[in-house]
């Protein structure tokens, strides 16, 4: 029996909610909601449905979270990333030690 348009819509919304939860859980409080990143094996992502649909759902979830969402595949991994530029007060603590321009750790 073919799925109805309403069933597909509900399935898509369920996927958006799942990804939104994963995306929200990737955030660290001390970084003010910036630098979100979800990485999962491509096999797991493919298990959620067609990759094109999963990417679209990630963008929709990102819109809900205020992200500038970017998705890509690399080395068998499906990655969802927030590309927003963080404010200076958040950006400095997030820089890896030893790589700050002033040489501080």
PDB file of N, CA and C in Angstrom:
ATOM      1  N   UNK A   1       0.847  -1.178   0.000  1.00  0.00           N
ATOM      2  CA  UNK A   1       0.000   0.000   0.000  1.00  0.00           C
ATOM      3  C   UNK A   1       0.897   1.249   0.000  1.00  0.00           C
ATOM      4  N   UNK A   2       0.731   2.120  -0.978  1.00  0.00           N
ATOM      5  CA  UNK A   2       1.568   3.323  -1.035  1.00  0.00           C
ATOM      6  C   UNK A   2       1.274   4.257   0.128  1.00  0.00           C
ATOM      7  N   UNK A   3       2.317   4.967   0.540  1.00  0.00           N
ATOM      8  CA  UNK A   3       2.132   5.916   1.639  1.00  0.00           C
ATOM      9  C   UNK A   3       1.421   7.161   1.126  1.00  0.00           C
ATOM     10  N   UNK A   4       0.661   7.742   2.001  1.00  0.00           N
ATOM     11  CA  UNK A   4      -0.055   8.953   1.620  1.00  0.00           C
ATOM     12  C   UNK A   4       0.848  10.166   1.829  1.00  0.00           C
ATOM     13  N   UNK A   5       0.461  11.254   1.253  1.00  0.00           N
ATOM     14  CA  UNK A   5       1.206  12.507   1.416  1.00  0.00           C
ATOM     15  C   UNK A   5       1.305  12.875   2.899  1.00  0.00           C
ATOM     16  N   UNK A   6       0.227  12.686   3.639  1.00  0.00           N
ATOM     17  CA  UNK A   6       0.210  13.006   5.070  1.00  0.00           C
ATOM     18  C   UNK A   6       1.192  12.117   5.838  1.00  0.00           C
ATOM     19  N   UNK A   7       1.281  10.843   5.498  1.00  0.00           N
ATOM     20  CA  UNK A   7       2.235   9.947   6.165  1.00  0.00           C
ATOM     21  C   UNK A   7       3.677  10.365   5.869  1.00  0.00           C
ATOM     22  N   UNK A   8       3.941  10.770   4.644  1.00  0.00           N
ATOM     23  CA  UNK A   8       5.285  11.244   4.292  1.00  0.00           C
ATOM     24  C   UNK A   8       5.612  12.530   5.044  1.00  0.00           C
ATOM     25  N   UNK A   9       4.641  13.431   5.141  1.00  0.00           N
ATOM     26  CA  UNK A   9       4.847  14.683   5.864  1.00  0.00           C
ATOM     27  C   UNK A   9       5.144  14.408   7.342  1.00  0.00           C
ATOM     28  N   UNK A  10       4.368  13.506   7.944  1.00  0.00           N
ATOM     29  CA  UNK A  10       4.595  13.159   9.353  1.00  0.00           C
ATOM     30  C   UNK A  10       5.958  12.503   9.544  1.00  0.00           C
ATOM     31  N   UNK A  11       6.343  11.644   8.615  1.00  0.00           N
ATOM     32  CA  UNK A  11       7.659  11.001   8.685  1.00  0.00           C
ATOM     33  C   UNK A  11       8.777  12.029   8.595  1.00  0.00           C
ATOM     34  N   UNK A  12       8.604  13.019   7.718  1.00  0.00           N
ATOM     35  CA  UNK A  12       9.609  14.067   7.580  1.00  0.00           C
ATOM     36  C   UNK A  12       9.688  14.887   8.861  1.00  0.00           C
ATOM     37  N   UNK A  13       8.546  15.244   9.431  1.00  0.00           N
ATOM     38  CA  UNK A  13       8.533  16.021  10.675  1.00  0.00           C
ATOM     39  C   UNK A  13       9.177  15.232  11.821  1.00  0.00           C
ATOM     40  N   UNK A  14       8.947  13.924  11.858  1.00  0.00           N
ATOM     41  CA  UNK A  14       9.595  13.084  12.875  1.00  0.00           C
ATOM     42  C   UNK A  14      11.115  13.118  12.704  1.00  0.00           C
ATOM     43  N   UNK A  15      11.584  13.067  11.460  1.00  0.00           N
ATOM     44  CA  UNK A  15      13.015  13.128  11.181  1.00  0.00           C
ATOM     45  C   UNK A  15      13.586  14.489  11.600  1.00  0.00           C
ATOM     46  N   UNK A  16      12.863  15.552  11.297  1.00  0.00           N
ATOM     47  CA  UNK A  16      13.304  16.897  11.705  1.00  0.00           C
ATOM     48  C   UNK A  16      13.438  16.948  13.228  1.00  0.00           C
ATOM     49  N   UNK A  17      12.463  16.421  13.941  1.00  0.00           N
ATOM     50  CA  UNK A  17      12.500  16.456  15.407  1.00  0.00           C
ATOM     51  C   UNK A  17      13.664  15.633  15.958  1.00  0.00           C
ATOM     52  N   UNK A  18      13.928  14.482  15.353  1.00  0.00           N
ATOM     53  CA  UNK A  18      15.062  13.667  15.779  1.00  0.00           C
ATOM     54  C   UNK A  18      16.376  14.421  15.579  1.00  0.00           C
ATOM     55  N   UNK A  19      16.561  14.980  14.380  1.00  0.00           N
ATOM     56  CA  UNK A  19      17.792  15.708  14.092  1.00  0.00           C
ATOM     57  C   UNK A  19      17.915  16.967  14.956  1.00  0.00           C
ATOM     58  N   UNK A  20      16.804  17.643  15.179  1.00  0.00           N
ATOM     59  CA  UNK A  20      16.834  18.833  16.034  1.00  0.00           C
ATOM     60  C   UNK A  20      17.312  18.467  17.438  1.00  0.00           C
ATOM     61  N   UNK A  21      16.853  17.342  17.954  1.00  0.00           N
ATOM     62  CA  UNK A  21      17.292  16.881  19.271  1.00  0.00           C
ATOM     63  C   UNK A  21      18.788  16.594  19.270  1.00  0.00           C
ATOM     64  N   UNK A  22      19.271  15.886  18.253  1.00  0.00           N
ATOM     65  CA  UNK A  22      20.707  15.598  18.157  1.00  0.00           C
ATOM     66  C   UNK A  22      21.516  16.882  18.041  1.00  0.00           C
ATOM     67  N   UNK A  23      21.022  17.818  17.256  1.00  0.00           N
ATOM     68  CA  UNK A  23      21.722  19.084  17.052  1.00  0.00           C
ATOM     69  C   UNK A  23      21.749  19.897  18.349  1.00  0.00           C
ATOM     70  N   UNK A  24      20.641  19.967  19.034  1.00  0.00           N
ATOM     71  CA  UNK A  24      20.575  20.703  20.298  1.00  0.00           C
ATOM     72  C   UNK A  24      21.494  20.048  21.331  1.00  0.00           C
ATOM     73  N   UNK A  25      21.509  18.718  21.371  1.00  0.00           N
ATOM     74  CA  UNK A  25      22.356  17.999  22.328  1.00  0.00           C
ATOM     75  C   UNK A  25      23.839  18.189  22.044  1.00  0.00           C
ATOM     76  N   UNK A  26      24.194  18.596  20.826  1.00  0.00           N
ATOM     77  CA  UNK A  26      25.609  18.791  20.483  1.00  0.00           C
ATOM     78  C   UNK A  26      26.152  20.114  21.000  1.00  0.00           C
ATOM     79  N   UNK A  27      25.271  20.974  21.483  1.00  0.00           N
ATOM     80  CA  UNK A  27      25.692  22.309  21.920  1.00  0.00           C
ATOM     81  C   UNK A  27      26.233  22.277  23.341  1.00  0.00           C
ATOM     82  N   UNK A  28      27.282  23.073  23.562  1.00  0.00           N
ATOM     83  CA  UNK A  28      27.850  23.220  24.900  1.00  0.00           C
ATOM     84  C   UNK A  28      27.431  24.583  25.436  1.00  0.00           C
ATOM     85  N   UNK A  29      26.918  24.585  26.651  1.00  0.00           N
ATOM     86  CA  UNK A  29      26.380  25.806  27.257  1.00  0.00           C
ATOM     87  C   UNK A  29      27.389  26.946  27.255  1.00  0.00           C
ATOM     88  N   UNK A  30      28.641  26.641  27.554  1.00  0.00           N
ATOM     89  CA  UNK A  30      29.651  27.694  27.647  1.00  0.00           C
ATOM     90  C   UNK A  30      29.973  28.346  26.299  1.00  0.00           C
ATOM     91  N   UNK A  31      29.507  27.746  25.208  1.00  0.00           N
ATOM     92  CA  UNK A  31      29.731  28.323  23.884  1.00  0.00           C
ATOM     93  C   UNK A  31      28.486  29.030  23.355  1.00  0.00           C
ATOM     94  N   UNK A  32      27.520  29.258  24.203  1.00  0.00           N
ATOM     95  CA  UNK A  32      26.373  30.090  23.879  1.00  0.00           C
ATOM     96  C   UNK A  32      25.516  29.638  22.711  1.00  0.00           C
ATOM     97  N   UNK A  33      25.492  28.343  22.444  1.00  0.00           N
ATOM     98  CA  UNK A  33      24.665  27.846  21.345  1.00  0.00           C
ATOM     99  C   UNK A  33      25.363  27.853  19.994  1.00  0.00           C
ATOM    100  N   UNK A  34      26.637  28.202  19.965  1.00  0.00           N
ATOM    101  CA  UNK A  34      27.411  28.190  18.723  1.00  0.00           C
ATOM    102  C   UNK A  34      28.242  26.914  18.651  1.00  0.00           C
ATOM    103  N   UNK A  35      28.800  26.662  17.492  1.00  0.00           N
ATOM    104  CA  UNK A  35      29.697  25.525  17.232  1.00  0.00           C
ATOM    105  C   UNK A  35      28.991  24.181  17.320  1.00  0.00           C
ATOM    106  N   UNK A  36      27.714  24.133  16.945  1.00  0.00           N
ATOM    107  CA  UNK A  36      27.006  22.864  16.916  1.00  0.00           C
ATOM    108  C   UNK A  36      27.565  21.968  15.821  1.00  0.00           C
ATOM    109  N   UNK A  37      27.637  20.672  16.127  1.00  0.00           N
ATOM    110  CA  UNK A  37      28.208  19.725  15.190  1.00  0.00           C
ATOM    111  C   UNK A  37      27.677  18.328  15.504  1.00  0.00           C
ATOM    112  N   UNK A  38      27.064  17.682  14.527  1.00  0.00           N
ATOM    113  CA  UNK A  38      26.584  16.309  14.684  1.00  0.00           C
ATOM    114  C   UNK A  38      27.294  15.478  13.622  1.00  0.00           C
ATOM    115  N   UNK A  39      27.917  14.389  14.064  1.00  0.00           N
ATOM    116  CA  UNK A  39      28.614  13.496  13.155  1.00  0.00           C
ATOM    117  C   UNK A  39      28.078  12.093  13.375  1.00  0.00           C
ATOM    118  N   UNK A  40      27.709  11.429  12.280  1.00  0.00           N
ATOM    119  CA  UNK A  40      27.235  10.054  12.399  1.00  0.00           C
ATOM    120  C   UNK A  40      27.722   9.255  11.189  1.00  0.00           C
ATOM    121  N   UNK A  41      27.898   7.947  11.371  1.00  0.00           N
ATOM    122  CA  UNK A  41      28.291   7.114  10.230  1.00  0.00           C
ATOM    123  C   UNK A  41      27.253   7.227   9.109  1.00  0.00           C
ATOM    124  N   UNK A  42      27.733   7.205   7.898  1.00  0.00           N
ATOM    125  CA  UNK A  42      26.844   7.324   6.740  1.00  0.00           C
ATOM    126  C   UNK A  42      25.787   6.228   6.745  1.00  0.00           C
ATOM    127  N   UNK A  43      26.139   5.030   7.193  1.00  0.00           N
ATOM    128  CA  UNK A  43      25.154   3.942   7.249  1.00  0.00           C
ATOM    129  C   UNK A  43      23.991   4.302   8.160  1.00  0.00           C
ATOM    130  N   UNK A  44      24.279   4.932   9.279  1.00  0.00           N
ATOM    131  CA  UNK A  44      23.200   5.342  10.188  1.00  0.00           C
ATOM    132  C   UNK A  44      22.349   6.419   9.546  1.00  0.00           C
ATOM    133  N   UNK A  45      23.003   7.403   8.920  1.00  0.00           N
ATOM    134  CA  UNK A  45      22.257   8.474   8.252  1.00  0.00           C
ATOM    135  C   UNK A  45      21.383   7.910   7.139  1.00  0.00           C
ATOM    136  N   UNK A  46      21.916   6.966   6.377  1.00  0.00           N
ATOM    137  CA  UNK A  46      21.143   6.355   5.290  1.00  0.00           C
ATOM    138  C   UNK A  46      19.964   5.560   5.846  1.00  0.00           C
ATOM    139  N   UNK A  47      20.110   5.057   7.060  1.00  0.00           N
ATOM    140  CA  UNK A  47      19.014   4.334   7.695  1.00  0.00           C
ATOM    141  C   UNK A  47      17.847   5.240   8.068  1.00  0.00           C
ATOM    142  N   UNK A  48      18.073   6.546   8.081  1.00  0.00           N
ATOM    143  CA  UNK A  48      17.007   7.501   8.388  1.00  0.00           C
ATOM    144  C   UNK A  48      16.145   7.799   7.169  1.00  0.00           C
ATOM    145  N   UNK A  49      16.631   7.419   5.998  1.00  0.00           N
ATOM    146  CA  UNK A  49      15.929   7.682   4.745  1.00  0.00           C
ATOM    147  C   UNK A  49      16.928   8.158   3.711  1.00  0.00           C
ATOM    148  N   UNK A  50      16.442   8.583   2.551  1.00  0.00           N
ATOM    149  CA  UNK A  50      17.356   9.089   1.525  1.00  0.00           C
ATOM    150  C   UNK A  50      18.201  10.243   2.075  1.00  0.00           C
ATOM    151  N   UNK A  51      19.477  10.268   1.736  1.00  0.00           N
ATOM    152  CA  UNK A  51      20.375  11.306   2.245  1.00  0.00           C
ATOM    153  C   UNK A  51      19.863  12.700   1.885  1.00  0.00           C
ATOM    154  N   UNK A  52      19.295  12.853   0.691  1.00  0.00           N
ATOM    155  CA  UNK A  52      18.774  14.171   0.306  1.00  0.00           C
ATOM    156  C   UNK A  52      17.666  14.621   1.266  1.00  0.00           C
ATOM    157  N   UNK A  53      16.832  13.695   1.708  1.00  0.00           N
ATOM    158  CA  UNK A  53      15.766  14.016   2.653  1.00  0.00           C
ATOM    159  C   UNK A  53      16.346  14.325   4.032  1.00  0.00           C
ATOM    160  N   UNK A  54      17.359  13.574   4.434  1.00  0.00           N
ATOM    161  CA  UNK A  54      18.002  13.808   5.730  1.00  0.00           C
ATOM    162  C   UNK A  54      18.678  15.171   5.744  1.00  0.00           C
ATOM    163  N   UNK A  55      19.307  15.537   4.632  1.00  0.00           N
ATOM    164  CA  UNK A  55      19.929  16.865   4.550  1.00  0.00           C
ATOM    165  C   UNK A  55      18.882  17.966   4.645  1.00  0.00           C
ATOM    166  N   UNK A  56      17.780  17.780   3.944  1.00  0.00           N
ATOM    167  CA  UNK A  56      16.703  18.777   3.976  1.00  0.00           C
ATOM    168  C   UNK A  56      16.132  18.890   5.393  1.00  0.00           C
ATOM    169  N   UNK A  57      15.968  17.748   6.059  1.00  0.00           N
ATOM    170  CA  UNK A  57      15.460  17.749   7.436  1.00  0.00           C
ATOM    171  C   UNK A  57      16.453  18.447   8.373  1.00  0.00           C
ATOM    172  N   UNK A  58      17.751  18.249   8.148  1.00  0.00           N
ATOM    173  CA  UNK A  58      18.765  18.914   8.978  1.00  0.00           C
ATOM    174  C   UNK A  58      18.697  20.425   8.787  1.00  0.00           C
ATOM    175  N   UNK A  59      18.496  20.878   7.548  1.00  0.00           N
ATOM    176  CA  UNK A  59      18.379  22.324   7.309  1.00  0.00           C
ATOM    177  C   UNK A  59      17.136  22.880   7.998  1.00  0.00           C
ATOM    178  N   UNK A  60      16.038  22.142   7.950  1.00  0.00           N
ATOM    179  CA  UNK A  60      14.807  22.577   8.615  1.00  0.00           C
ATOM    180  C   UNK A  60      15.009  22.640  10.127  1.00  0.00           C
ATOM    181  N   UNK A  61      15.646  21.617  10.694  1.00  0.00           N
ATOM    182  CA  UNK A  61      15.929  21.613  12.138  1.00  0.00           C
ATOM    183  C   UNK A  61      16.864  22.769  12.478  1.00  0.00           C
ATOM    184  N   UNK A  62      17.853  23.016  11.627  1.00  0.00           N
ATOM    185  CA  UNK A  62      18.776  24.122  11.854  1.00  0.00           C
ATOM    186  C   UNK A  62      18.072  25.469  11.863  1.00  0.00           C
ATOM    187  N   UNK A  63      17.116  25.633  10.970  1.00  0.00           N
ATOM    188  CA  UNK A  63      16.339  26.890  10.955  1.00  0.00           C
ATOM    189  C   UNK A  63      15.646  27.089  12.291  1.00  0.00           C
ATOM    190  N   UNK A  64      15.088  26.027  12.841  1.00  0.00           N
ATOM    191  CA  UNK A  64      14.406  26.114  14.135  1.00  0.00           C
ATOM    192  C   UNK A  64      15.365  26.541  15.242  1.00  0.00           C
ATOM    193  N   UNK A  65      16.640  26.124  15.117  1.00  0.00           N
ATOM    194  CA  UNK A  65      17.637  26.427  16.141  1.00  0.00           C
ATOM    195  C   UNK A  65      18.400  27.718  15.863  1.00  0.00           C
ATOM    196  N   UNK A  66      18.127  28.336  14.720  1.00  0.00           N
ATOM    197  CA  UNK A  66      18.829  29.558  14.361  1.00  0.00           C
ATOM    198  C   UNK A  66      20.207  29.314  13.772  1.00  0.00           C
ATOM    199  N   UNK A  67      20.473  28.087  13.339  1.00  0.00           N
ATOM    200  CA  UNK A  67      21.765  27.731  12.757  1.00  0.00           C
ATOM    201  C   UNK A  67      21.854  28.159  11.302  1.00  0.00           C
ATOM    202  N   UNK A  68      23.060  28.348  10.832  1.00  0.00           N
ATOM    203  CA  UNK A  68      23.371  28.402   9.402  1.00  0.00           C
ATOM    204  C   UNK A  68      23.888  26.997   9.101  1.00  0.00           C
ATOM    205  N   UNK A  69      22.980  26.101   8.754  1.00  0.00           N
ATOM    206  CA  UNK A  69      23.274  24.677   8.671  1.00  0.00           C
ATOM    207  C   UNK A  69      23.985  24.303   7.384  1.00  0.00           C
ATOM    208  N   UNK A  70      25.024  23.511   7.545  1.00  0.00           N
ATOM    209  CA  UNK A  70      25.798  22.981   6.425  1.00  0.00           C
ATOM    210  C   UNK A  70      25.922  21.475   6.649  1.00  0.00           C
ATOM    211  N   UNK A  71      25.601  20.691   5.630  1.00  0.00           N
ATOM    212  CA  UNK A  71      25.740  19.240   5.737  1.00  0.00           C
ATOM    213  C   UNK A  71      26.724  18.760   4.691  1.00  0.00           C
ATOM    214  N   UNK A  72      27.478  17.750   5.048  1.00  0.00           N
ATOM    215  CA  UNK A  72      28.388  17.164   4.069  1.00  0.00           C
ATOM    216  C   UNK A  72      28.738  15.732   4.456  1.00  0.00           C
ATOM    217  N   UNK A  73      29.282  15.026   3.489  1.00  0.00           N
ATOM    218  CA  UNK A  73      29.712  13.639   3.657  1.00  0.00           C
ATOM    219  C   UNK A  73      31.223  13.608   3.484  1.00  0.00           C
ATOM    220  N   UNK A  74      31.900  12.957   4.419  1.00  0.00           N
ATOM    221  CA  UNK A  74      33.349  12.835   4.302  1.00  0.00           C
ATOM    222  C   UNK A  74      33.788  11.540   4.998  1.00  0.00           C
ATOM    223  N   UNK A  75      34.588  10.762   4.312  1.00  0.00           N
ATOM    224  CA  UNK A  75      35.154   9.525   4.865  1.00  0.00           C
ATOM    225  C   UNK A  75      34.108   8.646   5.540  1.00  0.00           C
ATOM    226  N   UNK A  76      32.983   8.465   4.895  1.00  0.00           N
ATOM    227  CA  UNK A  76      31.943   7.597   5.434  1.00  0.00           C
ATOM    228  C   UNK A  76      31.158   8.176   6.593  1.00  0.00           C
ATOM    229  N   UNK A  77      31.292   9.484   6.802  1.00  0.00           N
ATOM    230  CA  UNK A  77      30.568  10.141   7.885  1.00  0.00           C
ATOM    231  C   UNK A  77      29.631  11.207   7.309  1.00  0.00           C
ATOM    232  N   UNK A  78      28.465  11.330   7.926  1.00  0.00           N
ATOM    233  CA  UNK A  78      27.499  12.373   7.592  1.00  0.00           C
ATOM    234  C   UNK A  78      27.623  13.424   8.681  1.00  0.00           C
ATOM    235  N   UNK A  79      27.882  14.664   8.296  1.00  0.00           N
ATOM    236  CA  UNK A  79      28.154  15.720   9.260  1.00  0.00           C
ATOM    237  C   UNK A  79      27.176  16.876   9.072  1.00  0.00           C
ATOM    238  N   UNK A  80      26.644  17.344  10.187  1.00  0.00           N
ATOM    239  CA  UNK A  80      25.772  18.518  10.216  1.00  0.00           C
ATOM    240  C   UNK A  80      26.501  19.551  11.064  1.00  0.00           C
ATOM    241  N   UNK A  81      26.681  20.747  10.526  1.00  0.00           N
ATOM    242  CA  UNK A  81      27.463  21.756  11.240  1.00  0.00           C
ATOM    243  C   UNK A  81      26.773  23.113  11.170  1.00  0.00           C
ATOM    244  N   UNK A  82      26.918  23.860  12.246  1.00  0.00           N
ATOM    245  CA  UNK A  82      26.442  25.246  12.311  1.00  0.00           C
ATOM    246  C   UNK A  82      27.587  26.141  11.861  1.00  0.00           C
ATOM    247  N   UNK A  83      27.375  26.899  10.776  1.00  0.00           N
ATOM    248  CA  UNK A  83      28.435  27.740  10.221  1.00  0.00           C
ATOM    249  C   UNK A  83      28.375  29.185  10.698  1.00  0.00           C
ATOM    250  N   UNK A  84      27.485  29.500  11.620  1.00  0.00           N
ATOM    251  CA  UNK A  84      27.410  30.891  12.080  1.00  0.00           C
ATOM    252  C   UNK A  84      28.735  31.320  12.698  1.00  0.00           C
ATOM    253  N   UNK A  85      29.062  32.569  12.524  1.00  0.00           N
ATOM    254  CA  UNK A  85      30.253  33.130  13.156  1.00  0.00           C
ATOM    255  C   UNK A  85      29.874  33.561  14.569  1.00  0.00           C
ATOM    256  N   UNK A  86      30.574  33.008  15.529  1.00  0.00           N
ATOM    257  CA  UNK A  86      30.284  33.314  16.932  1.00  0.00           C
ATOM    258  C   UNK A  86      30.806  34.694  17.292  1.00  0.00           C
ATOM    259  N   UNK A  87      30.146  35.362  18.250  1.00  0.00           N
ATOM    260  CA  UNK A  87      30.654  36.648  18.729  1.00  0.00           C
ATOM    261  C   UNK A  87      32.046  36.463  19.356  1.00  0.00           C
ATOM    262  N   UNK A  88      32.796  37.526  19.394  1.00  0.00           N
ATOM    263  CA  UNK A  88      34.173  37.488  19.896  1.00  0.00           C
ATOM    264  C   UNK A  88      34.279  36.872  21.290  1.00  0.00           C
ATOM    265  N   UNK A  89      33.380  37.222  22.195  1.00  0.00           N
ATOM    266  CA  UNK A  89      33.476  36.716  23.566  1.00  0.00           C
ATOM    267  C   UNK A  89      33.282  35.209  23.646  1.00  0.00           C
ATOM    268  N   UNK A  90      32.655  34.620  22.651  1.00  0.00           N
ATOM    269  CA  UNK A  90      32.484  33.168  22.609  1.00  0.00           C
ATOM    270  C   UNK A  90      33.600  32.539  21.773  1.00  0.00           C
ATOM    271  N   UNK A  91      34.002  33.219  20.720  1.00  0.00           N
ATOM    272  CA  UNK A  91      35.015  32.683  19.819  1.00  0.00           C
ATOM    273  C   UNK A  91      36.349  32.451  20.529  1.00  0.00           C
ATOM    274  N   UNK A  92      36.785  33.370  21.365  1.00  0.00           N
ATOM    275  CA  UNK A  92      38.087  33.225  22.030  1.00  0.00           C
ATOM    276  C   UNK A  92      38.172  31.978  22.907  1.00  0.00           C
ATOM    277  N   UNK A  93      37.193  31.701  23.788  1.00  0.00           N
ATOM    278  CA  UNK A  93      37.320  30.485  24.602  1.00  0.00           C
ATOM    279  C   UNK A  93      37.265  29.204  23.770  1.00  0.00           C
ATOM    280  N   UNK A  94      36.705  29.266  22.569  1.00  0.00           N
ATOM    281  CA  UNK A  94      36.552  28.068  21.748  1.00  0.00           C
ATOM    282  C   UNK A  94      37.797  27.756  20.930  1.00  0.00           C
ATOM    283  N   UNK A  95      38.733  28.692  20.840  1.00  0.00           N
ATOM    284  CA  UNK A  95      39.944  28.486  20.053  1.00  0.00           C
ATOM    285  C   UNK A  95      40.843  27.487  20.779  1.00  0.00           C
ATOM    286  N   UNK A  96      41.389  26.504  20.060  1.00  0.00           N
ATOM    287  CA  UNK A  96      42.275  25.529  20.709  1.00  0.00           C
ATOM    288  C   UNK A  96      43.473  26.205  21.379  1.00  0.00           C
ATOM    289  N   UNK A  97      43.888  25.683  22.511  1.00  0.00           N
ATOM    290  CA  UNK A  97      45.017  26.248  23.247  1.00  0.00           C
ATOM    291  C   UNK A  97      46.232  26.339  22.358  1.00  0.00           C
ATOM    292  N   UNK A  98      46.969  27.435  22.510  1.00  0.00           N
ATOM    293  CA  UNK A  98      48.189  27.625  21.746  1.00  0.00           C
ATOM    294  C   UNK A  98      47.982  28.225  20.375  1.00  0.00           C
ATOM    295  N   UNK A  99      46.724  28.421  19.968  1.00  0.00           N
ATOM    296  CA  UNK A  99      46.493  28.967  18.635  1.00  0.00           C
ATOM    297  C   UNK A  99      45.915  30.384  18.662  1.00  0.00           C
ATOM    298  N   UNK A 100      45.831  30.978  19.843  1.00  0.00           N
ATOM    299  CA  UNK A 100      45.349  32.356  19.943  1.00  0.00           C
ATOM    300  C   UNK A 100      46.442  33.307  19.459  1.00  0.00           C
ATOM    301  N   UNK A 101      46.043  34.382  18.828  1.00  0.00           N
ATOM    302  CA  UNK A 101      47.023  35.323  18.295  1.00  0.00           C
ATOM    303  C   UNK A 101      47.960  35.892  19.351  1.00  0.00           C
ATOM    304  N   UNK A 102      47.469  36.058  20.600  1.00  0.00           N
ATOM    305  CA  UNK A 102      48.317  36.638  21.647  1.00  0.00           C
ATOM    306  C   UNK A 102      49.208  35.590  22.326  1.00  0.00           C
ATOM    307  N   UNK A 103      49.104  34.320  21.889  1.00  0.00           N
ATOM    308  CA  UNK A 103      49.958  33.268  22.412  1.00  0.00           C
ATOM    309  C   UNK A 103      49.529  32.700  23.749  1.00  0.00           C
ATOM    310  N   UNK A 104      48.390  33.175  24.303  1.00  0.00           N
ATOM    311  CA  UNK A 104      47.921  32.659  25.590  1.00  0.00           C
ATOM    312  C   UNK A 104      47.311  31.284  25.424  1.00  0.00           C
ATOM    313  N   UNK A 105      47.289  30.548  26.509  1.00  0.00           N
ATOM    314  CA  UNK A 105      46.700  29.201  26.473  1.00  0.00           C
ATOM    315  C   UNK A 105      45.284  29.234  26.857  1.00  0.00           C
TER     316      UNK A 105
END
